[in-house]
């Protein structure tokens, strides 16, 4: 199910112009993980959310 976190993750990636592959590389995760996060079937760890904030600044997803 798609939720606000998954929508924000996709928006973060698109705003920075990253493909799923590039986002996965920068975050040190698999492309499959990115796909799961964007589909809303899984959620990233807090450490990944913090890394996203460091890479892309504002409008980073938060744990809900």
N, C-alpha and C. Protein backbone atom coordinates (compact mmCIF):
# COMPACT_ATOMS: atom_id res chain seq x y z
N UNK A 1 0.83 -1.17 0.00
CA UNK A 1 0.00 0.00 0.00
C UNK A 1 0.89 1.25 0.00
N UNK A 2 0.57 2.18 -0.84
CA UNK A 2 1.34 3.41 -0.92
C UNK A 2 0.92 4.35 0.21
N UNK A 3 1.90 4.86 0.94
CA UNK A 3 1.63 5.80 2.02
C UNK A 3 2.48 7.05 1.80
N UNK A 4 2.39 7.99 2.72
CA UNK A 4 3.12 9.25 2.56
C UNK A 4 4.63 9.03 2.51
N UNK A 5 5.15 8.08 3.27
CA UNK A 5 6.59 7.84 3.24
C UNK A 5 7.03 7.39 1.85
N UNK A 6 6.29 6.48 1.24
CA UNK A 6 6.67 6.00 -0.09
C UNK A 6 6.57 7.12 -1.12
N UNK A 7 5.56 7.95 -1.01
CA UNK A 7 5.40 9.09 -1.93
C UNK A 7 6.57 10.06 -1.76
N UNK A 8 6.96 10.32 -0.52
CA UNK A 8 8.06 11.25 -0.25
C UNK A 8 9.40 10.68 -0.72
N UNK A 9 9.59 9.38 -0.59
CA UNK A 9 10.84 8.77 -1.06
C UNK A 9 10.97 8.94 -2.57
N UNK A 10 9.90 8.65 -3.28
CA UNK A 10 9.93 8.81 -4.74
C UNK A 10 10.15 10.27 -5.11
N UNK A 11 9.46 11.18 -4.43
CA UNK A 11 9.61 12.61 -4.72
C UNK A 11 11.03 13.07 -4.44
N UNK A 12 11.64 12.59 -3.35
CA UNK A 12 13.04 12.92 -3.01
C UNK A 12 13.95 12.49 -4.14
N UNK A 13 13.78 11.26 -4.60
CA UNK A 13 14.63 10.72 -5.66
C UNK A 13 14.45 11.50 -6.96
N UNK A 14 13.21 11.77 -7.33
CA UNK A 14 12.93 12.50 -8.57
C UNK A 14 13.45 13.94 -8.50
N UNK A 15 13.27 14.59 -7.35
CA UNK A 15 13.72 15.98 -7.19
C UNK A 15 15.23 16.10 -7.41
N UNK A 16 15.96 15.07 -6.98
CA UNK A 16 17.41 15.09 -7.13
C UNK A 16 17.87 14.54 -8.48
N UNK A 17 16.92 14.04 -9.27
CA UNK A 17 17.25 13.53 -10.59
C UNK A 17 17.91 12.17 -10.58
N UNK A 18 17.68 11.40 -9.53
CA UNK A 18 18.29 10.08 -9.40
C UNK A 18 17.40 9.00 -9.99
N UNK A 19 18.03 8.04 -10.66
CA UNK A 19 17.32 6.82 -11.01
C UNK A 19 17.25 5.97 -9.74
N UNK A 20 16.45 4.93 -9.79
CA UNK A 20 16.40 4.01 -8.64
C UNK A 20 17.78 3.40 -8.42
N UNK A 21 18.47 3.10 -9.50
CA UNK A 21 19.80 2.51 -9.39
C UNK A 21 20.79 3.47 -8.72
N UNK A 22 20.75 4.74 -9.09
CA UNK A 22 21.67 5.72 -8.50
C UNK A 22 21.34 5.96 -7.03
N UNK A 23 20.06 6.07 -6.71
CA UNK A 23 19.66 6.24 -5.31
C UNK A 23 20.12 5.05 -4.48
N UNK A 24 19.95 3.85 -5.01
CA UNK A 24 20.38 2.65 -4.30
C UNK A 24 21.89 2.66 -4.06
N UNK A 25 22.63 3.05 -5.07
CA UNK A 25 24.09 3.12 -4.96
C UNK A 25 24.50 4.11 -3.87
N UNK A 26 23.92 5.29 -3.89
CA UNK A 26 24.28 6.32 -2.91
C UNK A 26 23.89 5.93 -1.48
N UNK A 27 22.78 5.21 -1.34
CA UNK A 27 22.30 4.83 -0.02
C UNK A 27 22.87 3.50 0.46
N UNK A 28 23.57 2.80 -0.42
CA UNK A 28 24.17 1.52 -0.04
C UNK A 28 23.16 0.40 0.14
N UNK A 29 22.11 0.45 -0.68
CA UNK A 29 21.07 -0.58 -0.62
C UNK A 29 20.86 -1.14 -2.02
N UNK A 30 20.02 -2.14 -2.13
CA UNK A 30 19.72 -2.71 -3.44
C UNK A 30 18.63 -1.90 -4.14
N UNK A 31 18.57 -2.05 -5.45
CA UNK A 31 17.50 -1.42 -6.22
C UNK A 31 16.16 -1.97 -5.74
N UNK A 32 16.15 -3.23 -5.41
CA UNK A 32 14.92 -3.87 -4.91
C UNK A 32 14.42 -3.16 -3.66
N UNK A 33 15.34 -2.74 -2.78
CA UNK A 33 14.93 -2.01 -1.57
C UNK A 33 14.25 -0.71 -1.94
N UNK A 34 14.81 0.02 -2.89
CA UNK A 34 14.21 1.29 -3.34
C UNK A 34 12.82 1.02 -3.89
N UNK A 35 12.68 0.00 -4.70
CA UNK A 35 11.37 -0.34 -5.27
C UNK A 35 10.36 -0.67 -4.19
N UNK A 36 10.78 -1.43 -3.18
CA UNK A 36 9.87 -1.76 -2.07
C UNK A 36 9.45 -0.51 -1.32
N UNK A 37 10.40 0.38 -1.05
CA UNK A 37 10.08 1.62 -0.33
C UNK A 37 9.09 2.47 -1.11
N UNK A 38 9.32 2.59 -2.41
CA UNK A 38 8.45 3.42 -3.24
C UNK A 38 7.07 2.78 -3.43
N UNK A 39 7.01 1.47 -3.37
CA UNK A 39 5.73 0.77 -3.49
C UNK A 39 4.98 0.73 -2.15
N UNK A 40 5.68 1.05 -1.08
CA UNK A 40 5.06 1.04 0.24
C UNK A 40 4.98 -0.33 0.89
N UNK A 41 5.71 -1.31 0.34
CA UNK A 41 5.67 -2.66 0.92
C UNK A 41 6.69 -2.84 2.03
N UNK A 42 7.68 -1.97 2.07
CA UNK A 42 8.68 -1.96 3.14
C UNK A 42 9.06 -0.52 3.43
N UNK A 43 9.70 -0.31 4.58
CA UNK A 43 10.13 1.03 4.96
C UNK A 43 11.62 1.02 5.27
N UNK A 44 12.29 2.13 4.95
CA UNK A 44 13.73 2.21 5.24
C UNK A 44 13.99 2.40 6.73
N UNK A 45 15.17 1.97 7.15
CA UNK A 45 15.60 2.20 8.54
C UNK A 45 15.83 3.69 8.76
N UNK A 46 15.81 4.08 10.01
CA UNK A 46 16.02 5.48 10.36
C UNK A 46 17.38 5.97 9.86
N UNK A 47 18.40 5.12 9.91
CA UNK A 47 19.73 5.52 9.45
C UNK A 47 19.71 5.87 7.96
N UNK A 48 18.89 5.18 7.19
CA UNK A 48 18.77 5.48 5.76
C UNK A 48 18.07 6.81 5.57
N UNK A 49 17.04 7.07 6.36
CA UNK A 49 16.33 8.35 6.27
C UNK A 49 17.27 9.51 6.59
N UNK A 50 18.14 9.31 7.58
CA UNK A 50 19.11 10.35 7.93
C UNK A 50 20.11 10.56 6.81
N UNK A 51 20.53 9.48 6.16
CA UNK A 51 21.44 9.59 5.03
C UNK A 51 20.77 10.32 3.87
N UNK A 52 19.49 10.04 3.65
CA UNK A 52 18.75 10.75 2.61
C UNK A 52 18.73 12.25 2.90
N UNK A 53 18.56 12.59 4.15
CA UNK A 53 18.56 14.01 4.54
C UNK A 53 19.91 14.64 4.25
N UNK A 54 20.98 13.93 4.55
CA UNK A 54 22.32 14.45 4.32
C UNK A 54 22.60 14.63 2.83
N UNK A 55 22.07 13.74 2.01
CA UNK A 55 22.31 13.80 0.57
C UNK A 55 21.43 14.86 -0.09
N UNK A 56 20.16 14.90 0.30
CA UNK A 56 19.23 15.73 -0.45
C UNK A 56 18.52 16.84 0.28
N UNK A 57 18.79 16.99 1.54
CA UNK A 57 18.19 18.11 2.26
C UNK A 57 16.72 17.95 2.56
N UNK A 58 15.98 19.01 2.32
CA UNK A 58 14.60 19.12 2.76
C UNK A 58 13.67 18.09 2.16
N UNK A 59 12.48 18.00 2.77
CA UNK A 59 11.41 17.11 2.32
C UNK A 59 11.80 15.65 2.29
N UNK A 60 12.60 15.26 3.26
CA UNK A 60 12.99 13.86 3.36
C UNK A 60 11.93 13.15 4.16
N UNK A 61 11.61 11.92 3.75
CA UNK A 61 10.59 11.16 4.47
C UNK A 61 10.94 10.99 5.94
N UNK A 62 9.93 10.89 6.76
CA UNK A 62 10.16 10.62 8.18
C UNK A 62 9.37 9.38 8.55
N UNK A 63 9.81 8.74 9.61
CA UNK A 63 9.08 7.56 10.08
C UNK A 63 7.76 8.02 10.65
N UNK A 64 6.71 7.31 10.31
CA UNK A 64 5.38 7.66 10.80
C UNK A 64 4.87 6.60 11.72
